[in-house]
Amino acid sequence: MSSDREHELENQHDIIAGFVTAAVRTARRNGKELVYDNQEEAVNEIMTHYINGKRCVLLVAQPGIGKTGAAHGTMIRYAQHATLDQAVLTKDMFLCTGMSDTEWKRQFEKNIIDPFHDNIAHRGVIAKFEEKLANTTNSLVVDDECHIACGPSMVVGRTMRSAGLMDIDELEKRNIRLLKISATPEAVLRDLQAWGSKGAMVVLKPGQKYKGFRTMLDENRIRNSPGLDTYQDVEVLFNLLEDRYRSTTKKYFIFRITHTETRMFLERAANIKGWEHKYHDSVDRVEDIDKMMEHAPKKHTAIIIKEFWRASKRLIRDHVGATYEPITKIRNSTVTSQGLTARFCDNFDYTGDWLNPSLRPLHFCDMGAIIEYMDWVDVGYDYSLTQAYQGGALKAKDGRVKTRPTMIHPDYVDNLDAIDLPVPRPSDRHMLSQIFESLDAARKWTLEKMSAGSSQLGLFNETGNTKTTLSTATHYADYYGVGHRAPILEASANGNQIADQDRDRIRRGLSHTGAKSRIMPVRIDGVVKCVVVYLRDHLKPIV
């Protein structure tokens, strides 16, 4: 049997190589790469975790950074792996999602090479793959947008459990690797943290050309949605958009609208102003809408949708002037950060109208939800460190995190030696930034993020006094060399998990010196880096 598998893998290696060569050539003709450097870095981390005994890895990244490319890179590497127990046959690679949208399948197929097309399943058909999943070995199972329909009793969870994939012993015996992917993992991330030595998180870092929420916020292009409760409200918004694009080509404006009356106001305003209006939903669809949006419209055009174009959807954006989503009574940072605004996060160079910042698209949504999301990113993707985050299956506030269990919750995973997650004290206002590779990066973050007069950039020594200032520390040839008096904190590579005794020392030191922030050395898996400890209420507000 082993020799048969070796023979299959040898043949597969050559087949994959041919497809990859062709795909690389096509991508480069279009000024792109099949797999970018930041994606390769994430692939290396993912594979290292599996080699070190992890069974479930969560890939997290902001919208549009390139999670699909990182997954594709992982599949290619395993399909061509030279080591027999690490290599994976394409018939044992599975791509699934809790999304019910068949467009997700078409889009994923478009972005991966043909040999990986056989086992792709969205929520509506994944149960048909149960027998295959139950008999697979030496496998890679990718769960895209893993936060969607992820409950233990939902179809993805039921199928995974019935196939034996929610049993650590089975995963190890059959050499199955689970790869979960999301920009908004919510409770999946919290549940995975309890997997201890069997789970890990990998963060896909932005590439140099990435334009995401931070860029849009800095350019004042994300704005709170005005209410469209009257015709006059719609008219005011249309006037703003007409004025913005008065000197350039006509634009598409995408409105997510659920109320019939608001749709009527939009239709009336479009008719009066000489705009086009189109409905695109499950009942009224614009055929070949992607092809239509490749070209500027002859008239400004309002495209009115309901539930389309959320997570994963790639839009043709070149001629879009604005997007609009109403602010809901109950904030949902996950839904907002996966909505229309996220469709404009991507890696690209500005061209055409977009060379002028004043002609780049506006995005009307719940701006506070986007800020909550970016605060979570800024504290290293740790919900227990965010001031507030509200999602569908997770709520976090001042260190307290409440979640609904997912399919990977320890209660639903057999033979898992789960660990208890630390419970932060709700009154603890002391926060940790993300981990920085260098002192300069930590200093830059502190100067940018902390309010004026609150930042003291020295380091603690063991008594809480500042003995080494930032300016003198920069003169050390080996900044973290022997004899440095600042205590080195210990952290897990899965997140900023600082020991309680170190948190207490941090608290005493800040209280003693009156400082609002400190840069601290922190050791992760033997490598010393930097983290900023700060009082949350002294962060600059985002405007």
Protein backbone atom coordinates (compact mmCIF):
# COMPACT_ATOMS: atom_id res chain seq x y z
CA MET A 1 0.00 0.00 0.00
CA SER A 2 2.81 2.35 0.89
CA SER A 3 4.49 1.77 -2.47
CA ASP A 4 1.17 2.47 -4.26
CA ARG A 5 0.86 5.77 -2.40
CA GLU A 6 4.47 6.66 -3.17
CA HIS A 7 3.80 6.01 -6.85
CA GLU A 8 0.66 8.19 -6.74
CA LEU A 9 2.59 10.97 -5.05
CA GLU A 10 5.39 10.83 -7.62
CA ASN A 11 2.88 11.17 -10.46
CA GLN A 12 1.02 13.89 -8.60
CA HIS A 13 4.22 15.88 -8.04
CA ASP A 14 4.77 16.19 -11.78
CA ILE A 15 1.11 17.02 -12.47
CA ILE A 16 1.00 19.72 -9.80
CA ALA A 17 4.30 21.17 -11.03
CA GLY A 18 2.84 21.57 -14.52
CA PHE A 19 -0.29 23.32 -13.27
CA VAL A 20 1.70 25.57 -10.92
CA THR A 21 4.09 26.60 -13.70
CA ALA A 22 1.16 27.55 -15.93
CA ALA A 23 -0.62 29.38 -13.11
CA VAL A 24 2.51 31.34 -12.18
CA ARG A 25 2.96 32.35 -15.80
CA THR A 26 -0.64 33.53 -16.07
CA ALA A 27 -0.46 35.45 -12.80
CA ARG A 28 2.74 37.25 -13.79
CA ARG A 29 1.29 38.22 -17.16
CA ASN A 30 -1.35 40.05 -15.13
CA GLY A 31 1.24 41.69 -12.86
CA LYS A 32 0.54 39.33 -9.96
CA GLU A 33 2.07 36.35 -8.16
CA LEU A 34 0.44 32.99 -7.54
CA VAL A 35 1.61 33.05 -3.92
CA TYR A 36 3.11 36.21 -2.41
CA ASP A 37 5.96 36.42 0.11
CA ASN A 38 3.67 37.17 3.07
CA GLN A 39 1.53 34.18 2.11
CA GLU A 40 4.60 31.94 1.85
CA GLU A 41 5.60 33.10 5.33
CA ALA A 42 2.18 32.10 6.67
CA VAL A 43 2.40 28.74 4.86
CA ASN A 44 5.74 28.08 6.56
CA GLU A 45 4.24 28.84 9.97
CA ILE A 46 1.22 26.64 9.31
CA MET A 47 3.33 23.67 8.24
CA THR A 48 5.73 24.13 11.16
CA HIS A 49 2.80 23.96 13.59
CA TYR A 50 1.62 20.69 12.07
CA ILE A 51 5.14 19.24 12.24
CA ASN A 52 5.21 20.23 15.93
CA GLY A 53 2.07 18.26 16.68
CA LYS A 54 -0.74 20.77 16.16
CA ARG A 55 -3.91 19.29 14.73
CA CYS A 56 -5.92 22.45 14.16
CA VAL A 57 -4.46 25.73 12.91
CA LEU A 58 -6.45 28.93 12.51
CA LEU A 59 -5.29 31.36 9.81
CA VAL A 60 -6.42 34.89 10.64
CA ALA A 61 -6.02 38.03 8.54
CA GLN A 62 -7.76 41.28 7.82
CA PRO A 63 -10.15 41.20 4.84
CA GLY A 64 -8.53 41.09 1.43
CA ILE A 65 -4.95 40.39 2.56
CA GLY A 66 -4.90 37.04 0.75
CA LYS A 67 -6.18 34.18 2.89
CA THR A 68 -7.21 32.18 -0.18
CA GLY A 69 -3.70 32.51 -1.60
CA ALA A 70 -2.20 31.28 1.67
CA ALA A 71 -4.55 28.27 1.68
CA HIS A 72 -3.67 27.59 -1.95
CA GLY A 73 0.03 27.80 -1.12
CA THR A 74 -0.45 25.34 1.73
CA MET A 75 -2.22 22.86 -0.54
CA ILE A 76 0.50 23.14 -3.20
CA ARG A 77 3.26 22.56 -0.67
CA TYR A 78 1.57 19.46 0.76
CA ALA A 79 0.76 18.11 -2.71
CA GLN A 80 4.46 18.35 -3.62
CA HIS A 81 5.97 17.44 -0.25
CA ALA A 82 8.96 15.14 -0.54
CA THR A 83 8.35 13.43 2.81
CA LEU A 84 5.93 10.51 2.60
CA ASP A 85 4.11 11.10 5.91
CA GLN A 86 3.80 14.83 5.19
CA ALA A 87 2.66 14.66 1.57
CA VAL A 88 -1.07 14.77 0.82
CA LEU A 89 -2.82 13.37 -2.23
CA THR A 90 -5.26 15.79 -3.85
CA LYS A 91 -8.09 13.30 -3.26
CA ASP A 92 -7.42 13.75 0.46
CA MET A 93 -7.63 17.55 0.38
CA PHE A 94 -10.99 19.04 1.28
CA LEU A 95 -12.25 22.62 1.06
CA CYS A 96 -15.47 23.42 2.87
CA THR A 97 -17.39 26.33 4.31
CA GLY A 98 -20.44 26.99 6.43
CA MET A 99 -21.56 29.52 3.83
CA SER A 100 -24.56 28.49 1.75
CA ASP A 101 -23.53 30.60 -1.25
CA THR A 102 -22.66 28.54 -4.35
CA GLU A 103 -20.77 31.57 -5.65
CA TRP A 104 -18.14 30.89 -2.97
CA LYS A 105 -17.41 27.55 -4.65
CA ARG A 106 -17.06 29.10 -8.11
CA GLN A 107 -14.83 31.83 -6.74
CA PHE A 108 -12.57 29.40 -4.85
CA GLU A 109 -12.25 27.20 -7.93
CA LYS A 110 -11.25 30.24 -9.98
CA ASN A 111 -8.37 30.97 -7.60
CA ILE A 112 -6.85 27.50 -7.21
CA ILE A 113 -5.38 25.07 -9.73
CA ASP A 114 -7.63 22.40 -11.26
CA PRO A 115 -6.31 19.35 -9.35
CA PHE A 116 -7.77 20.82 -6.14
CA HIS A 117 -11.34 21.16 -7.48
CA ASP A 118 -12.71 17.70 -6.63
CA ASN A 119 -13.53 18.12 -2.94
CA ILE A 120 -15.04 21.61 -2.57
CA ALA A 121 -18.25 21.82 -0.55
CA HIS A 122 -20.38 24.67 0.74
CA ARG A 123 -22.92 24.17 3.51
CA GLY A 124 -25.64 22.75 1.25
CA VAL A 125 -23.61 19.76 0.05
CA ILE A 126 -20.99 19.07 2.70
CA ALA A 127 -23.02 16.19 4.19
CA LYS A 128 -22.48 14.33 0.90
CA PHE A 129 -18.75 14.30 1.67
CA GLU A 130 -19.16 12.55 5.03
CA GLU A 131 -18.14 9.11 3.75
CA LYS A 132 -15.04 10.53 2.04
CA LEU A 133 -14.10 12.42 5.20
CA ALA A 134 -14.65 9.33 7.34
CA ASN A 135 -12.22 7.30 5.22
CA THR A 136 -9.56 9.88 4.49
CA THR A 137 -6.02 9.63 5.87
CA ASN A 138 -2.91 11.80 5.51
CA SER A 139 -5.26 14.68 4.83
CA LEU A 140 -5.72 18.43 4.85
CA VAL A 141 -9.21 19.74 5.62
CA VAL A 142 -9.67 23.49 5.04
CA ASP A 143 -12.68 25.26 6.58
CA ASP A 144 -13.02 28.69 4.94
CA GLU A 145 -14.97 31.49 6.69
CA CYS A 146 -14.95 29.11 9.63
CA HIS A 147 -16.99 31.42 11.87
CA ILE A 148 -20.11 30.94 9.71
CA ALA A 149 -22.55 28.18 10.74
CA CYS A 150 -19.88 26.76 13.04
CA GLY A 151 -22.08 25.47 15.85
CA PRO A 152 -21.64 21.84 16.98
CA SER A 153 -25.18 20.93 15.96
CA MET A 154 -25.03 22.59 12.53
CA VAL A 155 -24.36 20.62 9.37
CA VAL A 156 -20.60 21.30 9.14
CA GLY A 157 -20.08 20.37 12.79
CA ARG A 158 -22.29 17.29 12.55
CA THR A 159 -20.51 16.10 9.41
CA MET A 160 -17.05 16.63 10.89
CA ARG A 161 -18.00 14.81 14.07
CA SER A 162 -19.63 11.88 12.26
CA ALA A 163 -16.50 11.54 10.13
CA GLY A 164 -14.32 11.31 13.26
CA LEU A 165 -12.65 14.69 12.81
CA MET A 166 -13.67 15.95 16.24
CA ASP A 167 -11.53 13.33 17.99
CA ILE A 168 -7.86 14.10 18.68
CA ASP A 169 -6.92 10.42 18.69
CA GLU A 170 -8.51 9.97 15.26
CA LEU A 171 -6.83 13.06 13.87
CA GLU A 172 -3.45 11.79 15.02
CA LYS A 173 -3.98 8.18 14.00
CA ARG A 174 -5.18 9.19 10.53
CA ASN A 175 -2.73 12.10 10.25
CA ILE A 176 -5.42 14.68 9.50
CA ARG A 177 -4.69 18.40 9.65
CA LEU A 178 -7.50 20.92 10.15
CA LEU A 179 -6.95 24.42 8.73
CA LYS A 180 -9.56 27.01 9.64
CA ILE A 181 -9.61 30.42 7.95
CA SER A 182 -11.37 33.67 8.86
CA ALA A 183 -10.93 37.42 9.15
CA THR A 184 -13.45 37.34 12.02
CA PRO A 185 -13.06 34.01 13.83
CA GLU A 186 -14.96 35.09 16.97
CA ALA A 187 -15.74 32.07 19.16
CA VAL A 188 -13.70 29.72 16.96
CA LEU A 189 -10.53 31.50 18.08
CA ARG A 190 -11.54 31.39 21.74
CA ASP A 191 -12.36 27.68 21.55
CA LEU A 192 -9.10 26.91 19.74
CA GLN A 193 -7.09 28.60 22.49
CA ALA A 194 -8.31 25.85 24.82
CA TRP A 195 -6.73 23.21 22.55
CA GLY A 196 -3.36 24.02 24.11
CA SER A 197 -0.59 22.06 22.42
CA LYS A 198 -2.95 20.77 19.73
CA GLY A 199 -4.02 24.14 18.32
CA ALA A 200 -2.35 27.30 17.04
CA MET A 201 -3.15 30.61 15.38
CA VAL A 202 -1.22 32.03 12.43
CA VAL A 203 -1.62 35.68 11.45
CA LEU A 204 -1.27 36.49 7.75
CA LYS A 205 0.54 39.82 7.67
CA PRO A 206 -0.39 42.58 5.21
CA GLY A 207 1.71 42.94 2.08
CA GLN A 208 3.29 46.24 1.07
CA LYS A 209 0.44 47.08 -1.32
CA TYR A 210 -2.37 46.30 1.11
CA LYS A 211 -5.09 48.91 1.45
CA GLY A 212 -7.50 48.03 4.22
CA PHE A 213 -9.71 49.57 6.87
CA ARG A 214 -6.83 51.55 8.38
CA THR A 215 -6.13 53.27 5.05
CA MET A 216 -9.81 54.07 4.57
CA LEU A 217 -10.13 55.45 8.11
CA ASP A 218 -7.02 57.58 7.70
CA GLU A 219 -8.45 59.02 4.48
CA ASN A 220 -11.84 59.70 6.08
CA ARG A 221 -13.52 57.38 3.60
CA ILE A 222 -15.32 55.23 6.17
CA ARG A 223 -18.22 57.21 7.56
CA ASN A 224 -21.28 56.54 9.69
CA SER A 225 -24.28 55.77 7.53
CA PRO A 226 -26.90 58.49 7.53
CA GLY A 227 -30.44 57.30 8.07
CA LEU A 228 -32.44 57.06 4.86
CA ASP A 229 -35.84 57.40 6.50
CA THR A 230 -37.24 60.03 4.14
CA TYR A 231 -36.89 60.99 0.50
CA GLN A 232 -35.02 64.12 1.62
CA ASP A 233 -32.41 61.94 3.38
CA VAL A 234 -31.78 60.06 0.15
CA GLU A 235 -31.62 63.28 -1.85
CA VAL A 236 -28.96 64.73 0.48
CA LEU A 237 -26.82 61.61 0.07
CA PHE A 238 -27.24 61.57 -3.72
CA ASN A 239 -26.23 65.24 -3.85
CA LEU A 240 -23.07 64.49 -1.87
CA LEU A 241 -22.16 61.68 -4.26
CA GLU A 242 -22.89 63.71 -7.36
CA ASP A 243 -20.72 66.54 -6.07
CA ARG A 244 -17.81 64.20 -5.28
CA TYR A 245 -17.75 62.74 -8.78
CA ARG A 246 -18.79 65.83 -10.73
CA SER A 247 -15.53 66.02 -12.70
CA THR A 248 -14.97 62.37 -13.49
CA THR A 249 -16.68 59.31 -14.97
CA LYS A 250 -20.04 58.09 -13.75
CA LYS A 251 -20.04 55.58 -10.88
CA TYR A 252 -21.87 52.62 -9.41
CA PHE A 253 -23.23 53.10 -5.89
CA ILE A 254 -24.07 49.95 -3.96
CA PHE A 255 -26.83 50.10 -1.34
CA ARG A 256 -27.67 47.27 1.03
CA ILE A 257 -31.32 47.99 1.77
CA THR A 258 -33.94 45.79 3.44
CA HIS A 259 -36.86 48.19 3.96
CA THR A 260 -39.28 48.51 1.05
CA GLU A 261 -39.95 52.18 1.76
CA THR A 262 -36.25 53.06 1.57
CA ARG A 263 -35.96 51.17 -1.71
CA MET A 264 -38.82 53.28 -3.06
CA PHE A 265 -37.08 56.50 -1.95
CA LEU A 266 -33.89 55.39 -3.74
CA GLU A 267 -35.81 54.53 -6.89
CA ARG A 268 -37.64 57.87 -6.85
CA ALA A 269 -34.43 59.86 -6.30
CA ALA A 270 -32.68 57.99 -9.11
CA ASN A 271 -35.54 58.72 -11.51
CA ILE A 272 -35.64 62.43 -10.63
CA LYS A 273 -31.87 62.85 -10.93
CA GLY A 274 -31.54 60.84 -14.11
CA TRP A 275 -29.67 57.94 -12.50
CA GLU A 276 -30.11 54.28 -13.34
CA HIS A 277 -31.21 51.92 -10.58
CA LYS A 278 -30.91 48.16 -10.54
CA TYR A 279 -31.96 45.48 -8.08
CA HIS A 280 -29.62 42.56 -7.53
CA ASP A 281 -30.89 39.92 -5.10
CA SER A 282 -32.27 36.38 -5.03
CA VAL A 283 -35.42 37.50 -6.88
CA ASP A 284 -34.18 40.21 -9.26
CA ARG A 285 -30.67 39.57 -10.55
CA VAL A 286 -28.51 41.57 -12.91
CA GLU A 287 -27.14 39.01 -15.34
CA ASP A 288 -23.36 39.16 -15.80
CA ILE A 289 -23.11 41.91 -13.19
CA ASP A 290 -19.34 41.46 -12.87
CA LYS A 291 -18.93 42.00 -16.61
CA MET A 292 -21.21 45.05 -16.44
CA MET A 293 -19.14 46.59 -13.62
CA GLU A 294 -15.90 46.28 -15.56
CA HIS A 295 -16.94 49.42 -17.42
CA ALA A 296 -18.04 52.82 -16.14
CA PRO A 297 -21.80 53.31 -16.50
CA LYS A 298 -23.20 55.98 -18.83
CA LYS A 299 -25.22 57.34 -15.89
CA HIS A 300 -24.68 57.16 -12.15
CA THR A 301 -26.20 53.81 -11.16
CA ALA A 302 -27.61 52.71 -7.82
CA ILE A 303 -27.30 48.94 -7.33
CA ILE A 304 -29.68 47.87 -4.57
CA ILE A 305 -28.96 44.56 -2.82
CA LYS A 306 -30.16 42.71 0.27
CA GLU A 307 -27.95 39.86 1.48
CA PHE A 308 -25.51 39.50 -1.40
CA TRP A 309 -21.81 40.39 -1.35
CA ARG A 310 -20.74 39.60 2.17
CA ALA A 311 -17.76 37.46 3.29
CA SER A 312 -15.35 36.27 0.58
CA LYS A 313 -17.06 37.93 -2.37
CA ARG A 314 -14.70 39.76 -4.72
CA LEU A 315 -16.28 42.74 -6.44
CA ILE A 316 -15.28 44.53 -9.61
CA ARG A 317 -14.49 47.81 -7.86
CA ASP A 318 -12.85 50.11 -10.41
CA HIS A 319 -15.96 52.16 -11.11
CA VAL A 320 -17.64 52.05 -7.71
CA GLY A 321 -18.09 55.44 -6.05
CA ALA A 322 -19.61 54.42 -2.72
CA THR A 323 -21.17 51.64 -0.68
CA TYR A 324 -23.92 51.96 1.89
CA GLU A 325 -25.07 49.65 4.68
CA PRO A 326 -27.49 50.79 7.39
CA ILE A 327 -26.43 50.95 11.02
CA THR A 328 -28.28 48.30 13.00
CA LYS A 329 -29.73 48.83 16.47
CA ILE A 330 -27.41 46.15 17.88
CA ARG A 331 -23.81 46.52 16.76
CA ASN A 332 -22.22 43.53 15.05
CA SER A 333 -18.55 44.22 14.33
CA THR A 334 -18.14 40.87 12.59
CA VAL A 335 -20.94 41.44 10.09
CA THR A 336 -19.86 45.03 9.42
CA SER A 337 -16.21 44.13 8.91
CA GLN A 338 -17.23 41.36 6.50
CA GLY A 339 -19.67 43.57 4.61
CA LEU A 340 -19.45 45.89 1.61
CA THR A 341 -16.59 47.99 2.99
CA ALA A 342 -14.44 44.86 3.31
CA ARG A 343 -14.91 44.13 -0.40
CA PHE A 344 -12.59 47.09 -1.03
CA CYS A 345 -9.72 45.78 1.13
CA ASP A 346 -7.08 44.30 -1.14
CA ASN A 347 -3.51 44.41 -2.40
CA PHE A 348 -3.20 46.82 -5.32
CA ASP A 349 -1.65 50.02 -6.67
CA TYR A 350 -3.83 53.08 -7.11
CA THR A 351 -4.59 53.79 -10.77
CA GLY A 352 -6.99 55.97 -12.75
CA ASP A 353 -9.35 58.09 -10.67
CA TRP A 354 -8.07 56.47 -7.48
CA LEU A 355 -4.74 58.26 -7.82
CA ASN A 356 -6.69 61.19 -6.40
CA PRO A 357 -7.70 60.44 -2.78
CA SER A 358 -10.78 62.64 -3.21
CA LEU A 359 -12.07 60.30 -5.92
CA ARG A 360 -11.62 57.06 -4.00
CA PRO A 361 -14.83 55.34 -2.88
CA LEU A 362 -16.72 56.33 0.25
CA HIS A 363 -18.04 53.63 2.55
CA PHE A 364 -21.07 54.30 4.72
CA CYS A 365 -21.53 51.79 7.52
CA ASP A 366 -21.24 51.53 11.31
CA MET A 367 -17.83 53.19 11.61
CA GLY A 368 -17.64 52.28 15.31
CA ALA A 369 -17.84 48.59 14.38
CA ILE A 370 -14.88 48.97 12.01
CA ILE A 371 -12.93 50.76 14.75
CA GLU A 372 -13.75 47.92 17.16
CA TYR A 373 -12.44 45.45 14.60
CA MET A 374 -9.19 47.38 14.11
CA ASP A 375 -8.73 47.70 17.88
CA TRP A 376 -8.89 43.89 18.02
CA VAL A 377 -6.27 43.69 15.26
CA ASP A 378 -4.06 46.20 17.10
CA VAL A 379 -3.99 44.13 20.31
CA GLY A 380 -2.79 41.03 18.50
CA TYR A 381 -6.16 39.46 17.66
CA ASP A 382 -6.94 38.80 21.31
CA TYR A 383 -10.55 39.41 22.32
CA SER A 384 -9.63 39.48 26.01
CA LEU A 385 -7.46 42.55 25.36
CA THR A 386 -9.98 44.60 23.38
CA GLN A 387 -11.95 47.31 25.08
CA ALA A 388 -15.10 46.10 23.34
CA TYR A 389 -16.09 43.76 20.52
CA GLN A 390 -19.59 42.69 19.61
CA GLY A 391 -20.20 39.85 17.17
CA GLY A 392 -22.84 37.24 16.58
CA ALA A 393 -21.27 34.49 18.69
CA LEU A 394 -18.90 36.57 20.84
CA LYS A 395 -19.13 39.61 23.07
CA ALA A 396 -16.07 41.13 24.72
CA LYS A 397 -15.83 44.10 27.05
CA ASP A 398 -13.00 45.17 29.34
CA GLY A 399 -11.40 41.73 29.39
CA ARG A 400 -14.60 39.74 29.80
CA VAL A 401 -15.38 37.47 26.88
CA LYS A 402 -18.64 35.58 26.37
CA THR A 403 -19.07 33.13 23.52
CA ARG A 404 -21.38 30.47 22.19
CA PRO A 405 -19.63 27.11 21.75
CA THR A 406 -18.46 26.11 18.28
CA MET A 407 -17.82 22.68 16.83
CA ILE A 408 -14.23 22.81 18.17
CA HIS A 409 -15.22 23.73 21.73
CA PRO A 410 -13.50 21.29 24.12
CA ASP A 411 -16.89 19.89 25.18
CA TYR A 412 -17.41 18.62 21.63
CA VAL A 413 -13.91 17.32 20.90
CA ASP A 414 -13.04 13.84 22.14
CA ASN A 415 -9.71 13.01 23.77
CA LEU A 416 -8.63 16.66 23.95
CA ASP A 417 -6.48 17.61 26.90
CA ALA A 418 -8.03 21.07 27.11
CA ILE A 419 -6.50 23.93 29.04
CA ASP A 420 -8.32 26.56 31.07
CA LEU A 421 -8.22 30.02 29.55
CA PRO A 422 -7.09 32.81 31.86
CA VAL A 423 -9.91 35.01 33.11
CA PRO A 424 -8.75 38.65 33.09
CA ARG A 425 -9.93 40.84 35.95
CA PRO A 426 -12.66 43.13 34.61
CA SER A 427 -11.17 46.06 36.53
CA ASP A 428 -7.75 45.64 34.93
CA ARG A 429 -7.28 48.61 32.60
CA HIS A 430 -3.74 47.60 31.68
CA MET A 431 -3.59 46.41 28.09
CA LEU A 432 -0.99 44.84 25.85
CA SER A 433 -0.26 45.84 22.27
CA GLN A 434 0.54 43.32 19.58
CA ILE A 435 4.06 41.86 19.66
CA PHE A 436 6.67 43.96 17.83
CA GLU A 437 9.81 42.61 16.21
CA SER A 438 11.93 45.60 17.22
CA LEU A 439 12.17 48.45 19.70
CA ASP A 440 11.75 51.00 16.89
CA ALA A 441 8.45 49.44 15.83
CA ALA A 442 7.18 49.48 19.43
CA ARG A 443 8.26 53.10 19.82
CA LYS A 444 6.48 54.12 16.61
CA TRP A 445 3.26 52.43 17.73
CA THR A 446 3.41 54.11 21.14
CA LEU A 447 3.96 57.58 19.72
CA GLU A 448 1.14 57.09 17.22
CA LYS A 449 -1.41 55.48 19.53
CA MET A 450 -0.98 57.06 22.95
CA SER A 451 -2.47 60.45 23.76
CA ALA A 452 -0.17 63.44 24.14
CA GLY A 453 1.79 63.55 27.39
CA SER A 454 0.89 60.01 28.43
CA SER A 455 3.78 58.09 26.89
CA GLN A 456 6.91 57.37 28.87
CA LEU A 457 8.98 55.12 26.69
CA GLY A 458 11.36 53.69 29.28
CA LEU A 459 11.58 50.09 30.43
CA PHE A 460 10.81 48.53 33.80
CA ASN A 461 13.46 47.09 35.93
CA GLU A 462 12.54 44.46 38.49
CA THR A 463 11.39 47.00 41.08
CA GLY A 464 9.17 48.93 38.69
CA ASN A 465 11.46 51.93 38.31
CA THR A 466 12.70 53.15 34.95
CA LYS A 467 16.41 52.43 34.70
CA THR A 468 16.86 52.34 30.96
CA THR A 469 15.26 54.99 28.79
CA LEU A 470 14.43 54.46 25.17
CA SER A 471 17.18 56.79 23.96
CA THR A 472 19.93 55.04 25.89
CA ALA A 473 18.55 51.60 25.11
CA THR A 474 18.98 52.21 21.39
CA HIS A 475 22.73 52.47 21.91
CA TYR A 476 23.03 48.87 23.13
CA ALA A 477 24.61 46.72 20.44
CA ASP A 478 22.56 43.83 21.78
CA TYR A 479 19.49 45.50 23.21
CA TYR A 480 18.42 42.41 25.14
CA GLY A 481 21.93 41.38 26.11
CA VAL A 482 23.14 39.95 29.41
CA GLY A 483 22.94 42.41 32.26
CA HIS A 484 19.92 44.31 31.04
CA ARG A 485 17.84 45.05 34.14
CA ALA A 486 14.35 44.94 32.63
CA PRO A 487 12.48 41.69 33.37
CA ILE A 488 11.72 39.63 30.30
CA LEU A 489 8.09 38.56 30.17
CA GLU A 490 7.08 35.20 28.80
CA ALA A 491 4.33 34.93 26.18
CA SER A 492 2.73 32.19 24.14
CA ALA A 493 3.15 32.29 20.38
CA ASN A 494 -0.64 31.85 20.18
CA GLY A 495 -1.26 35.25 21.74
CA ASN A 496 -0.21 37.79 24.32
CA GLN A 497 -0.61 35.47 27.30
CA ILE A 498 1.33 37.21 30.08
CA ALA A 499 1.70 35.45 33.42
CA ASP A 500 -0.33 36.83 36.33
CA GLN A 501 2.76 37.66 38.37
CA ASP A 502 4.13 39.72 35.49
CA ARG A 503 0.81 41.52 35.08
CA ASP A 504 0.92 42.40 38.78
CA ARG A 505 4.47 43.74 38.42
CA ILE A 506 3.40 45.79 35.42
CA ARG A 507 0.50 47.22 37.40
CA ARG A 508 2.70 48.14 40.37
CA GLY A 509 5.28 49.73 38.12
CA LEU A 510 2.82 51.89 36.25
CA SER A 511 1.21 52.99 39.51
CA HIS A 512 4.58 53.79 41.10
CA THR A 513 5.93 55.86 38.20
CA GLY A 514 2.66 57.42 37.06
CA ALA A 515 3.40 56.23 33.52
CA LYS A 516 0.60 55.46 31.11
CA SER A 517 2.64 53.14 28.89
CA ARG A 518 5.86 51.13 28.92
CA ILE A 519 7.76 49.16 26.32
CA MET A 520 8.65 45.74 27.71
CA PRO A 521 10.81 42.89 26.39
CA VAL A 522 8.84 39.70 25.90
CA ARG A 523 10.17 36.26 24.98
CA ILE A 524 8.17 34.07 22.58
CA ASP A 525 9.46 30.56 21.94
CA GLY A 526 12.96 31.68 22.90
CA VAL A 527 13.04 34.85 20.78
CA VAL A 528 12.93 38.19 22.59
CA LYS A 529 10.70 40.87 21.08
CA CYS A 530 8.78 43.93 22.34
CA VAL A 531 5.32 44.60 23.69
CA VAL A 532 3.78 47.88 24.84
CA VAL A 533 1.87 47.86 28.12
CA TYR A 534 -0.54 50.77 28.42
CA LEU A 535 -3.66 52.12 30.07
CA ARG A 536 -6.53 51.70 27.66
CA ASP A 537 -8.16 55.05 28.46
CA HIS A 538 -5.04 56.90 27.31
CA LEU A 539 -5.23 55.67 23.73
CA LYS A 540 -5.83 58.38 21.15
CA PRO A 541 -9.38 58.35 19.84
CA ILE A 542 -9.73 57.38 16.18
CA VAL A 543 -11.35 60.20 14.27
